[in-house]
Amino acid sequence: DMPPGGDFGGFGGAGFGGADFGDLFGDLFGSAFGGSGRRSVDPNASRRGNDLEYTMQITMEDAFRGVTKKIEVPRLETCPHCGGGGAEPGTKIETCPTCGGRGQVQQTVNTPFGQMAQVTACPTCHGKGKVIKTPCRECRGQGRVRKQHSVDVKIPAGIDTGIRLRVSSQGEAGINGGPSGDLFLLIEVKNDRRFQRKGDDLNTSVDIQYPQAALGCEVKIETFDGFEKLDIPAGTQPGSKLRIKGRGMPRLRGKGSGDMNILVKVSISKDPSAKERELLEQIAKEMKVPVKNKEGFFDKIKR
């Protein structure tokens, strides 16, 4: 039986140095009939430029509101001096005399099967099919130059870390008049000291005192749109979670917004004043719960 993956006992591709038999026989036998065994590539055909990727950091508030940012991206652009042709203006680009503009030449090589024709890149023009006698002084015959490119990027409201945006045709310039590639933006949203984000919801906390928790109160909660009033019901326990609907992040794919979730923290004074202590002791007496009495100086001497 054939082992999984098609590995014939160590005599697969690795057994011959990773050689591809299809390529090997295609090159040999295809060339014998006047071809290379592969599709011929026009050296002067237009080619699309490479895509670029750029990591952009934005604040959480920018992600909340949506924003347009101007960024500077290094990229290859069509040489403005020669227009992408690669030759100094006023000079001629000649057809390669060796390959006749094909970019390829046919050579006879010795193989285990005898002499065969092999097609290789032209040694004179290096596969370009043309010869530039006087290269452009700006791009040195390459047809493209590296420059800093300014791009205005629109960031939609509700975007989150890890989302990839595509800006069409803002990548590197194409070759031989080909279209430009695209620019891909990888978004990173910075943390905000006021809120923690979870999906479309925002989480925050509020500190209140014991009487406020026991009797109820109204507090102000900061949001990205200003302060919102929040009603704390009487008897609210430490660690309770309350919610303000629709005050979270805008939904990137859909209508509306997430919620603002508020964790209630109840602060207990570590050093209450004499008046506060007296009142607390009265409350404890009313509730019939034991508390620790604070000893005065003379009480300690009596012990």
C-alpha atoms as a PDB file:
ATOM      1  CA  ASP A   1       0.000   0.000   0.000  1.00  0.00           C
ATOM      2  CA  MET A   2       1.130   3.555  -0.663  1.00  0.00           C
ATOM      3  CA  PRO A   3       2.085   5.384   2.553  1.00  0.00           C
ATOM      4  CA  PRO A   4       0.013   8.457   3.472  1.00  0.00           C
ATOM      5  CA  GLY A   5       1.002  11.604   1.620  1.00  0.00           C
ATOM      6  CA  GLY A   6       2.351   9.760  -1.404  1.00  0.00           C
ATOM      7  CA  ASP A   7       5.868   9.226   0.012  1.00  0.00           C
ATOM      8  CA  PHE A   8       7.171   6.122  -1.749  1.00  0.00           C
ATOM      9  CA  GLY A   9       9.564   4.809   0.907  1.00  0.00           C
ATOM     10  CA  GLY A  10      11.855   7.835   0.773  1.00  0.00           C
ATOM     11  CA  PHE A  11      11.909   8.061  -3.029  1.00  0.00           C
ATOM     12  CA  GLY A  12       9.565  11.026  -3.318  1.00  0.00           C
ATOM     13  CA  GLY A  13      10.500  14.615  -4.128  1.00  0.00           C
ATOM     14  CA  ALA A  14      13.043  14.765  -1.301  1.00  0.00           C
ATOM     15  CA  GLY A  15      14.863  11.719  -2.640  1.00  0.00           C
ATOM     16  CA  PHE A  16      15.891  13.714  -5.708  1.00  0.00           C
ATOM     17  CA  GLY A  17      16.700  16.990  -4.018  1.00  0.00           C
ATOM     18  CA  GLY A  18      13.149  18.301  -4.297  1.00  0.00           C
ATOM     19  CA  ALA A  19      13.112  18.010  -8.121  1.00  0.00           C
ATOM     20  CA  ASP A  20       9.753  18.277  -9.853  1.00  0.00           C
ATOM     21  CA  PHE A  21       9.479  15.549 -12.488  1.00  0.00           C
ATOM     22  CA  GLY A  22       6.740  17.466 -14.290  1.00  0.00           C
ATOM     23  CA  ASP A  23       8.981  20.491 -14.606  1.00  0.00           C
ATOM     24  CA  LEU A  24      12.015  18.375 -15.515  1.00  0.00           C
ATOM     25  CA  PHE A  25      10.400  16.457 -18.358  1.00  0.00           C
ATOM     26  CA  GLY A  26       8.378  19.469 -19.424  1.00  0.00           C
ATOM     27  CA  ASP A  27      11.566  21.486 -19.809  1.00  0.00           C
ATOM     28  CA  LEU A  28      13.430  18.709 -21.627  1.00  0.00           C
ATOM     29  CA  PHE A  29      10.812  17.283 -23.950  1.00  0.00           C
ATOM     30  CA  GLY A  30       8.931  20.518 -24.469  1.00  0.00           C
ATOM     31  CA  SER A  31      12.130  22.247 -25.538  1.00  0.00           C
ATOM     32  CA  ALA A  32      12.894  19.480 -27.993  1.00  0.00           C
ATOM     33  CA  PHE A  33       9.905  20.608 -30.018  1.00  0.00           C
ATOM     34  CA  GLY A  34      10.879  24.260 -30.126  1.00  0.00           C
ATOM     35  CA  GLY A  35       9.215  25.306 -26.860  1.00  0.00           C
ATOM     36  CA  SER A  36      10.212  25.568 -23.231  1.00  0.00           C
ATOM     37  CA  GLY A  37       7.499  23.213 -22.004  1.00  0.00           C
ATOM     38  CA  ARG A  38       5.922  26.179 -20.196  1.00  0.00           C
ATOM     39  CA  ARG A  39       3.851  29.103 -21.317  1.00  0.00           C
ATOM     40  CA  SER A  40       6.024  31.836 -22.809  1.00  0.00           C
ATOM     41  CA  VAL A  41       5.921  35.128 -20.905  1.00  0.00           C
ATOM     42  CA  ASP A  42       6.008  38.399 -22.809  1.00  0.00           C
ATOM     43  CA  PRO A  43       8.844  40.398 -21.190  1.00  0.00           C
ATOM     44  CA  ASN A  44       7.141  43.661 -22.140  1.00  0.00           C
ATOM     45  CA  ALA A  45       3.691  42.704 -20.856  1.00  0.00           C
ATOM     46  CA  SER A  46       2.204  44.938 -18.176  1.00  0.00           C
ATOM     47  CA  ARG A  47       2.337  43.599 -14.636  1.00  0.00           C
ATOM     48  CA  ARG A  48       0.389  44.588 -11.553  1.00  0.00           C
ATOM     49  CA  GLY A  49       2.338  46.258  -8.750  1.00  0.00           C
ATOM     50  CA  ASN A  50       2.851  44.607  -5.377  1.00  0.00           C
ATOM     51  CA  ASP A  51       0.381  45.032  -2.524  1.00  0.00           C
ATOM     52  CA  LEU A  52       1.587  46.817   0.600  1.00  0.00           C
ATOM     53  CA  GLU A  53       0.656  46.296   4.256  1.00  0.00           C
ATOM     54  CA  TYR A  54       0.727  49.031   6.887  1.00  0.00           C
ATOM     55  CA  THR A  55      -0.045  48.768  10.609  1.00  0.00           C
ATOM     56  CA  MET A  56      -2.046  51.721  11.915  1.00  0.00           C
ATOM     57  CA  GLN A  57      -2.605  52.510  15.592  1.00  0.00           C
ATOM     58  CA  ILE A  58      -5.621  54.597  16.565  1.00  0.00           C
ATOM     59  CA  THR A  59      -7.186  55.625  19.866  1.00  0.00           C
ATOM     60  CA  MET A  60     -10.358  53.989  21.135  1.00  0.00           C
ATOM     61  CA  GLU A  61     -12.127  57.328  20.783  1.00  0.00           C
ATOM     62  CA  ASP A  62     -11.109  57.478  17.097  1.00  0.00           C
ATOM     63  CA  ALA A  63     -12.515  53.960  16.722  1.00  0.00           C
ATOM     64  CA  PHE A  64     -15.731  55.146  18.395  1.00  0.00           C
ATOM     65  CA  ARG A  65     -16.238  58.200  16.202  1.00  0.00           C
ATOM     66  CA  GLY A  66     -14.647  57.134  12.927  1.00  0.00           C
ATOM     67  CA  VAL A  67     -11.858  59.275  11.560  1.00  0.00           C
ATOM     68  CA  THR A  68      -9.869  60.145   8.441  1.00  0.00           C
ATOM     69  CA  LYS A  69      -6.117  59.783   8.929  1.00  0.00           C
ATOM     70  CA  LYS A  70      -3.267  60.906   6.701  1.00  0.00           C
ATOM     71  CA  ILE A  71      -0.428  58.382   6.568  1.00  0.00           C
ATOM     72  CA  GLU A  72       2.937  58.301   4.807  1.00  0.00           C
ATOM     73  CA  VAL A  73       3.729  55.027   3.046  1.00  0.00           C
ATOM     74  CA  PRO A  74       7.053  54.201   1.342  1.00  0.00           C
ATOM     75  CA  ARG A  75       6.343  52.629  -2.033  1.00  0.00           C
ATOM     76  CA  LEU A  76       7.664  52.195  -5.572  1.00  0.00           C
ATOM     77  CA  GLU A  77       6.136  54.747  -7.928  1.00  0.00           C
ATOM     78  CA  THR A  78       6.402  55.220 -11.673  1.00  0.00           C
ATOM     79  CA  CYS A  79       9.506  57.300 -12.332  1.00  0.00           C
ATOM     80  CA  PRO A  80       8.331  60.845 -13.114  1.00  0.00           C
ATOM     81  CA  HIS A  81      11.502  61.591 -15.089  1.00  0.00           C
ATOM     82  CA  CYS A  82      11.261  58.817 -17.681  1.00  0.00           C
ATOM     83  CA  GLY A  83       7.576  57.932 -17.315  1.00  0.00           C
ATOM     84  CA  GLY A  84       8.420  54.349 -16.405  1.00  0.00           C
ATOM     85  CA  GLY A  85      10.281  53.550 -19.623  1.00  0.00           C
ATOM     86  CA  GLY A  86      13.653  53.376 -17.904  1.00  0.00           C
ATOM     87  CA  ALA A  87      15.534  55.416 -20.532  1.00  0.00           C
ATOM     88  CA  GLU A  88      16.776  58.969 -20.216  1.00  0.00           C
ATOM     89  CA  PRO A  89      14.291  61.276 -21.975  1.00  0.00           C
ATOM     90  CA  GLY A  90      15.384  62.007 -25.537  1.00  0.00           C
ATOM     91  CA  THR A  91      17.156  58.663 -25.951  1.00  0.00           C
ATOM     92  CA  LYS A  92      15.934  55.502 -27.631  1.00  0.00           C
ATOM     93  CA  ILE A  93      15.073  52.082 -26.256  1.00  0.00           C
ATOM     94  CA  GLU A  94      16.299  49.471 -28.715  1.00  0.00           C
ATOM     95  CA  THR A  95      14.998  45.985 -29.328  1.00  0.00           C
ATOM     96  CA  CYS A  96      17.491  43.448 -28.009  1.00  0.00           C
ATOM     97  CA  PRO A  97      19.588  42.241 -30.971  1.00  0.00           C
ATOM     98  CA  THR A  98      20.263  38.879 -29.341  1.00  0.00           C
ATOM     99  CA  CYS A  99      16.701  37.691 -28.700  1.00  0.00           C
ATOM    100  CA  GLY A 100      14.821  39.978 -31.076  1.00  0.00           C
ATOM    101  CA  GLY A 101      12.674  41.330 -28.254  1.00  0.00           C
ATOM    102  CA  ARG A 102      11.450  37.940 -27.022  1.00  0.00           C
ATOM    103  CA  GLY A 103      13.509  38.037 -23.831  1.00  0.00           C
ATOM    104  CA  GLN A 104      14.437  34.366 -24.318  1.00  0.00           C
ATOM    105  CA  VAL A 105      17.035  32.473 -26.315  1.00  0.00           C
ATOM    106  CA  GLN A 106      17.237  28.832 -27.319  1.00  0.00           C
ATOM    107  CA  GLN A 107      20.382  26.881 -26.531  1.00  0.00           C
ATOM    108  CA  THR A 108      21.435  23.302 -27.236  1.00  0.00           C
ATOM    109  CA  VAL A 109      22.350  21.354 -24.096  1.00  0.00           C
ATOM    110  CA  ASN A 110      23.608  17.840 -23.505  1.00  0.00           C
ATOM    111  CA  THR A 111      21.281  15.662 -21.426  1.00  0.00           C
ATOM    112  CA  PRO A 112      21.143  11.953 -20.530  1.00  0.00           C
ATOM    113  CA  PHE A 113      18.716  11.696 -23.438  1.00  0.00           C
ATOM    114  CA  GLY A 114      21.048  13.356 -25.936  1.00  0.00           C
ATOM    115  CA  GLN A 115      21.222  16.924 -27.205  1.00  0.00           C
ATOM    116  CA  MET A 116      18.093  18.989 -26.680  1.00  0.00           C
ATOM    117  CA  ALA A 117      17.012  22.586 -27.110  1.00  0.00           C
ATOM    118  CA  GLN A 118      16.578  24.595 -23.932  1.00  0.00           C
ATOM    119  CA  VAL A 119      14.997  28.022 -23.642  1.00  0.00           C
ATOM    120  CA  THR A 120      16.613  30.427 -21.158  1.00  0.00           C
ATOM    121  CA  ALA A 121      16.492  34.135 -20.346  1.00  0.00           C
ATOM    122  CA  CYS A 122      18.448  36.237 -22.814  1.00  0.00           C
ATOM    123  CA  PRO A 123      21.924  37.000 -21.398  1.00  0.00           C
ATOM    124  CA  THR A 124      22.026  40.386 -23.126  1.00  0.00           C
ATOM    125  CA  CYS A 125      18.762  41.962 -21.958  1.00  0.00           C
ATOM    126  CA  HIS A 126      18.203  39.636 -18.956  1.00  0.00           C
ATOM    127  CA  GLY A 127      14.738  38.700 -20.145  1.00  0.00           C
ATOM    128  CA  LYS A 128      13.472  42.242 -20.788  1.00  0.00           C
ATOM    129  CA  GLY A 129      13.530  42.035 -24.583  1.00  0.00           C
ATOM    130  CA  LYS A 130      14.949  45.535 -24.893  1.00  0.00           C
ATOM    131  CA  VAL A 131      18.243  47.310 -24.372  1.00  0.00           C
ATOM    132  CA  ILE A 132      18.492  50.725 -22.757  1.00  0.00           C
ATOM    133  CA  LYS A 133      21.643  52.454 -23.963  1.00  0.00           C
ATOM    134  CA  THR A 134      21.218  55.499 -21.734  1.00  0.00           C
ATOM    135  CA  PRO A 135      19.439  54.595 -18.464  1.00  0.00           C
ATOM    136  CA  CYS A 136      17.305  57.226 -16.725  1.00  0.00           C
ATOM    137  CA  ARG A 137      19.395  59.147 -14.221  1.00  0.00           C
ATOM    138  CA  GLU A 138      16.580  59.093 -11.657  1.00  0.00           C
ATOM    139  CA  CYS A 139      15.559  55.417 -11.618  1.00  0.00           C
ATOM    140  CA  ARG A 140      18.738  54.008 -13.230  1.00  0.00           C
ATOM    141  CA  GLY A 141      16.740  52.174 -15.835  1.00  0.00           C
ATOM    142  CA  GLN A 142      14.285  50.495 -13.454  1.00  0.00           C
ATOM    143  CA  GLY A 143      11.273  52.594 -14.422  1.00  0.00           C
ATOM    144  CA  ARG A 144      10.217  53.029 -10.782  1.00  0.00           C
ATOM    145  CA  VAL A 145      11.545  55.005  -7.820  1.00  0.00           C
ATOM    146  CA  ARG A 146      10.887  54.649  -4.088  1.00  0.00           C
ATOM    147  CA  LYS A 147       9.070  57.596  -2.547  1.00  0.00           C
ATOM    148  CA  GLN A 148       7.007  58.525   0.505  1.00  0.00           C
ATOM    149  CA  HIS A 149       3.373  58.552  -0.565  1.00  0.00           C
ATOM    150  CA  SER A 150       0.684  60.425   1.360  1.00  0.00           C
ATOM    151  CA  VAL A 151      -2.685  58.657   1.657  1.00  0.00           C
ATOM    152  CA  ASP A 152      -5.913  59.824   3.323  1.00  0.00           C
ATOM    153  CA  VAL A 153      -7.500  56.785   4.946  1.00  0.00           C
ATOM    154  CA  LYS A 154     -11.110  56.736   6.169  1.00  0.00           C
ATOM    155  CA  ILE A 155     -11.494  54.635   9.330  1.00  0.00           C
ATOM    156  CA  PRO A 156     -15.128  53.591   9.933  1.00  0.00           C
ATOM    157  CA  ALA A 157     -16.724  53.983  13.364  1.00  0.00           C
ATOM    158  CA  GLY A 158     -16.782  50.758  15.376  1.00  0.00           C
ATOM    159  CA  ILE A 159     -13.572  49.302  13.965  1.00  0.00           C
ATOM    160  CA  ASP A 160     -11.590  46.970  16.229  1.00  0.00           C
ATOM    161  CA  THR A 161      -8.087  45.566  16.544  1.00  0.00           C
ATOM    162  CA  GLY A 162      -7.210  42.950  13.933  1.00  0.00           C
ATOM    163  CA  ILE A 163      -9.498  44.261  11.201  1.00  0.00           C
ATOM    164  CA  ARG A 164      -7.820  44.673   7.805  1.00  0.00           C
ATOM    165  CA  LEU A 165      -8.874  47.505   5.513  1.00  0.00           C
ATOM    166  CA  ARG A 166      -8.087  47.627   1.798  1.00  0.00           C
ATOM    167  CA  VAL A 167      -7.335  50.884   0.001  1.00  0.00           C
ATOM    168  CA  SER A 168      -7.530  50.117  -3.714  1.00  0.00           C
ATOM    169  CA  SER A 169      -4.690  51.113  -6.070  1.00  0.00           C
ATOM    170  CA  GLN A 170      -2.538  52.642  -3.325  1.00  0.00           C
ATOM    171  CA  GLY A 171       0.130  49.940  -3.377  1.00  0.00           C
ATOM    172  CA  GLU A 172       3.249  49.900  -5.544  1.00  0.00           C
ATOM    173  CA  ALA A 173       3.115  51.078  -9.159  1.00  0.00           C
ATOM    174  CA  GLY A 174       2.779  48.456 -11.855  1.00  0.00           C
ATOM    175  CA  ILE A 175       5.435  47.554 -14.416  1.00  0.00           C
ATOM    176  CA  ASN A 176       5.164  48.418 -18.112  1.00  0.00           C
ATOM    177  CA  GLY A 177       2.002  50.396 -17.494  1.00  0.00           C
ATOM    178  CA  GLY A 178       0.354  47.744 -15.331  1.00  0.00           C
ATOM    179  CA  PRO A 179      -2.119  48.684 -12.567  1.00  0.00           C
ATOM    180  CA  SER A 180      -0.972  49.567  -9.069  1.00  0.00           C
ATOM    181  CA  GLY A 181      -1.335  47.111  -6.214  1.00  0.00           C
ATOM    182  CA  ASP A 182      -3.517  47.704  -3.154  1.00  0.00           C
ATOM    183  CA  LEU A 183      -2.684  49.021   0.300  1.00  0.00           C
ATOM    184  CA  PHE A 184      -3.847  46.900   3.242  1.00  0.00           C
ATOM    185  CA  LEU A 185      -4.167  48.508   6.675  1.00  0.00           C
ATOM    186  CA  LEU A 186      -3.969  46.361   9.804  1.00  0.00           C
ATOM    187  CA  ILE A 187      -5.771  48.215  12.602  1.00  0.00           C
ATOM    188  CA  GLU A 188      -4.591  48.306  16.223  1.00  0.00           C
ATOM    189  CA  VAL A 189      -6.882  50.113  18.692  1.00  0.00           C
ATOM    190  CA  LYS A 190      -5.070  51.440  21.767  1.00  0.00           C
ATOM    191  CA  ASN A 191      -6.411  50.869  25.274  1.00  0.00           C
ATOM    192  CA  ASP A 192      -8.282  53.698  26.994  1.00  0.00           C
ATOM    193  CA  ARG A 193      -7.769  54.413  30.698  1.00  0.00           C
ATOM    194  CA  ARG A 194     -11.500  55.034  31.171  1.00  0.00           C
ATOM    195  CA  PHE A 195     -13.021  52.018  29.462  1.00  0.00           C
ATOM    196  CA  GLN A 196     -12.391  48.377  28.657  1.00  0.00           C
ATOM    197  CA  ARG A 197     -13.827  47.161  25.393  1.00  0.00           C
ATOM    198  CA  LYS A 198     -15.509  43.800  24.915  1.00  0.00           C
ATOM    199  CA  GLY A 199     -16.943  43.427  21.448  1.00  0.00           C
ATOM    200  CA  ASP A 200     -19.317  46.354  20.977  1.00  0.00           C
ATOM    201  CA  ASP A 201     -19.754  46.926  24.736  1.00  0.00           C
ATOM    202  CA  LEU A 202     -17.702  49.250  26.934  1.00  0.00           C
ATOM    203  CA  ASN A 203     -17.015  48.437  30.576  1.00  0.00           C
ATOM    204  CA  THR A 204     -16.258  50.914  33.347  1.00  0.00           C
ATOM    205  CA  SER A 205     -16.737  51.250  37.123  1.00  0.00           C
ATOM    206  CA  VAL A 206     -18.114  53.733  39.630  1.00  0.00           C
ATOM    207  CA  ASP A 207     -17.213  54.220  43.314  1.00  0.00           C
ATOM    208  CA  ILE A 208     -20.003  55.074  45.764  1.00  0.00           C
ATOM    209  CA  GLN A 209     -20.228  55.286  49.557  1.00  0.00           C
ATOM    210  CA  TYR A 210     -22.145  52.920  51.827  1.00  0.00           C
ATOM    211  CA  PRO A 211     -25.098  55.293  52.433  1.00  0.00           C
ATOM    212  CA  GLN A 212     -25.482  55.744  48.655  1.00  0.00           C
ATOM    213  CA  ALA A 213     -25.557  52.003  48.132  1.00  0.00           C
ATOM    214  CA  ALA A 214     -28.023  51.499  50.967  1.00  0.00           C
ATOM    215  CA  LEU A 215     -30.373  54.387  50.195  1.00  0.00           C
ATOM    216  CA  GLY A 216     -29.862  54.726  46.443  1.00  0.00           C
ATOM    217  CA  CYS A 217     -28.507  57.708  44.551  1.00  0.00           C
ATOM    218  CA  GLU A 218     -27.871  59.236  41.146  1.00  0.00           C
ATOM    219  CA  VAL A 219     -24.340  59.427  39.714  1.00  0.00           C
ATOM    220  CA  LYS A 220     -22.760  60.666  36.488  1.00  0.00           C
ATOM    221  CA  ILE A 221     -20.995  58.175  34.223  1.00  0.00           C
ATOM    222  CA  GLU A 222     -18.481  59.318  31.623  1.00  0.00           C
ATOM    223  CA  THR A 223     -19.049  58.117  28.048  1.00  0.00           C
ATOM    224  CA  PHE A 224     -17.467  59.078  24.722  1.00  0.00           C
ATOM    225  CA  ASP A 225     -20.476  61.364  24.176  1.00  0.00           C
ATOM    226  CA  GLY A 226     -20.215  63.138  27.539  1.00  0.00           C
ATOM    227  CA  PHE A 227     -21.669  62.304  30.953  1.00  0.00           C
ATOM    228  CA  GLU A 228     -24.805  60.199  31.423  1.00  0.00           C
ATOM    229  CA  LYS A 229     -26.965  60.038  34.555  1.00  0.00           C
ATOM    230  CA  LEU A 230     -27.206  56.612  36.170  1.00  0.00           C
ATOM    231  CA  ASP A 231     -29.708  55.687  38.867  1.00  0.00           C
ATOM    232  CA  ILE A 232     -28.242  53.515  41.635  1.00  0.00           C
ATOM    233  CA  PRO A 233     -31.156  51.606  43.213  1.00  0.00           C
ATOM    234  CA  ALA A 234     -31.437  51.410  47.001  1.00  0.00           C
ATOM    235  CA  GLY A 235     -29.807  48.277  48.365  1.00  0.00           C
ATOM    236  CA  THR A 236     -27.269  47.967  45.554  1.00  0.00           C
ATOM    237  CA  GLN A 237     -24.610  45.448  46.565  1.00  0.00           C
ATOM    238  CA  PRO A 238     -20.848  45.806  45.992  1.00  0.00           C
ATOM    239  CA  GLY A 239     -19.953  44.184  42.671  1.00  0.00           C
ATOM    240  CA  SER A 240     -23.361  44.793  41.127  1.00  0.00           C
ATOM    241  CA  LYS A 241     -23.392  45.525  37.397  1.00  0.00           C
ATOM    242  CA  LEU A 242     -25.633  48.170  35.893  1.00  0.00           C
ATOM    243  CA  ARG A 243     -26.104  49.113  32.257  1.00  0.00           C
ATOM    244  CA  ILE A 244     -26.707  52.162  30.075  1.00  0.00           C
ATOM    245  CA  LYS A 245     -28.185  50.960  26.798  1.00  0.00           C
ATOM    246  CA  GLY A 246     -26.664  52.152  23.539  1.00  0.00           C
ATOM    247  CA  ARG A 247     -23.643  53.930  25.012  1.00  0.00           C
ATOM    248  CA  GLY A 248     -21.030  51.416  23.861  1.00  0.00           C
ATOM    249  CA  MET A 249     -19.171  51.212  20.535  1.00  0.00           C
ATOM    250  CA  PRO A 250     -21.016  51.642  17.223  1.00  0.00           C
ATOM    251  CA  ARG A 251     -21.659  48.332  15.502  1.00  0.00           C
ATOM    252  CA  LEU A 252     -19.364  48.093  12.491  1.00  0.00           C
ATOM    253  CA  ARG A 253     -21.657  45.699  10.648  1.00  0.00           C
ATOM    254  CA  GLY A 254     -25.159  46.681  11.569  1.00  0.00           C
ATOM    255  CA  LYS A 255     -27.190  49.431  13.182  1.00  0.00           C
ATOM    256  CA  GLY A 256     -27.017  50.843  16.674  1.00  0.00           C
ATOM    257  CA  SER A 257     -24.365  50.567  19.359  1.00  0.00           C
ATOM    258  CA  GLY A 258     -23.342  48.302  22.181  1.00  0.00           C
ATOM    259  CA  ASP A 259     -23.966  49.093  25.857  1.00  0.00           C
ATOM    260  CA  MET A 260     -22.012  50.737  28.662  1.00  0.00           C
ATOM    261  CA  ASN A 261     -21.645  48.272  31.552  1.00  0.00           C
ATOM    262  CA  ILE A 262     -20.879  49.727  34.985  1.00  0.00           C
ATOM    263  CA  LEU A 263     -19.367  47.790  37.881  1.00  0.00           C
ATOM    264  CA  VAL A 264     -20.462  49.269  41.224  1.00  0.00           C
ATOM    265  CA  LYS A 265     -17.749  49.536  43.871  1.00  0.00           C
ATOM    266  CA  VAL A 266     -18.730  50.482  47.428  1.00  0.00           C
ATOM    267  CA  SER A 267     -16.031  52.375  49.321  1.00  0.00           C
ATOM    268  CA  ILE A 268     -15.661  51.750  53.068  1.00  0.00           C
ATOM    269  CA  SER A 269     -13.847  54.417  55.072  1.00  0.00           C
ATOM    270  CA  LYS A 270     -10.736  53.080  56.825  1.00  0.00           C
ATOM    271  CA  ASP A 271     -10.631  55.928  59.322  1.00  0.00           C
ATOM    272  CA  PRO A 272     -14.151  57.285  59.984  1.00  0.00           C
ATOM    273  CA  SER A 273     -14.538  60.498  61.951  1.00  0.00           C
ATOM    274  CA  ALA A 274     -15.993  60.440  65.453  1.00  0.00           C
ATOM    275  CA  LYS A 275     -19.354  61.595  64.142  1.00  0.00           C
ATOM    276  CA  GLU A 276     -19.360  58.964  61.376  1.00  0.00           C
ATOM    277  CA  ARG A 277     -18.464  56.275  63.882  1.00  0.00           C
ATOM    278  CA  GLU A 278     -21.233  57.347  66.220  1.00  0.00           C
ATOM    279  CA  LEU A 279     -23.774  57.169  63.407  1.00  0.00           C
ATOM    280  CA  LEU A 280     -22.502  53.778  62.240  1.00  0.00           C
ATOM    281  CA  GLU A 281     -22.719  52.415  65.775  1.00  0.00           C
ATOM    282  CA  GLN A 282     -26.306  53.623  65.977  1.00  0.00           C
ATOM    283  CA  ILE A 283     -27.066  51.861  62.699  1.00  0.00           C
ATOM    284  CA  ALA A 284     -25.415  48.684  63.956  1.00  0.00           C
ATOM    285  CA  LYS A 285     -27.449  48.888  67.169  1.00  0.00           C
ATOM    286  CA  GLU A 286     -30.637  49.376  65.167  1.00  0.00           C
ATOM    287  CA  MET A 287     -29.759  46.411  62.921  1.00  0.00           C
ATOM    288  CA  LYS A 288     -28.733  44.375  65.984  1.00  0.00           C
ATOM    289  CA  VAL A 289     -25.370  43.414  64.531  1.00  0.00           C
ATOM    290  CA  PRO A 290     -22.151  43.239  66.589  1.00  0.00           C
ATOM    291  CA  VAL A 291     -19.384  45.756  65.892  1.00  0.00           C
ATOM    292  CA  LYS A 292     -15.982  46.415  67.385  1.00  0.00           C
ATOM    293  CA  ASN A 293     -16.031  49.314  69.865  1.00  0.00           C
ATOM    294  CA  LYS A 294     -13.179  51.780  69.616  1.00  0.00           C
ATOM    295  CA  GLU A 295     -11.302  52.017  72.935  1.00  0.00           C
ATOM    296  CA  GLY A 296     -10.220  55.359  74.298  1.00  0.00           C
ATOM    297  CA  PHE A 297      -6.907  56.099  76.018  1.00  0.00           C
ATOM    298  CA  PHE A 298      -8.234  55.565  79.572  1.00  0.00           C
ATOM    299  CA  ASP A 299      -9.982  52.332  78.542  1.00  0.00           C
ATOM    300  CA  LYS A 300      -6.606  50.915  77.514  1.00  0.00           C
ATOM    301  CA  ILE A 301      -5.025  51.960  80.882  1.00  0.00           C
ATOM    302  CA  LYS A 302      -7.777  50.192  82.825  1.00  0.00           C
ATOM    303  CA  ARG A 303      -6.825  46.952  81.078  1.00  0.00           C
END
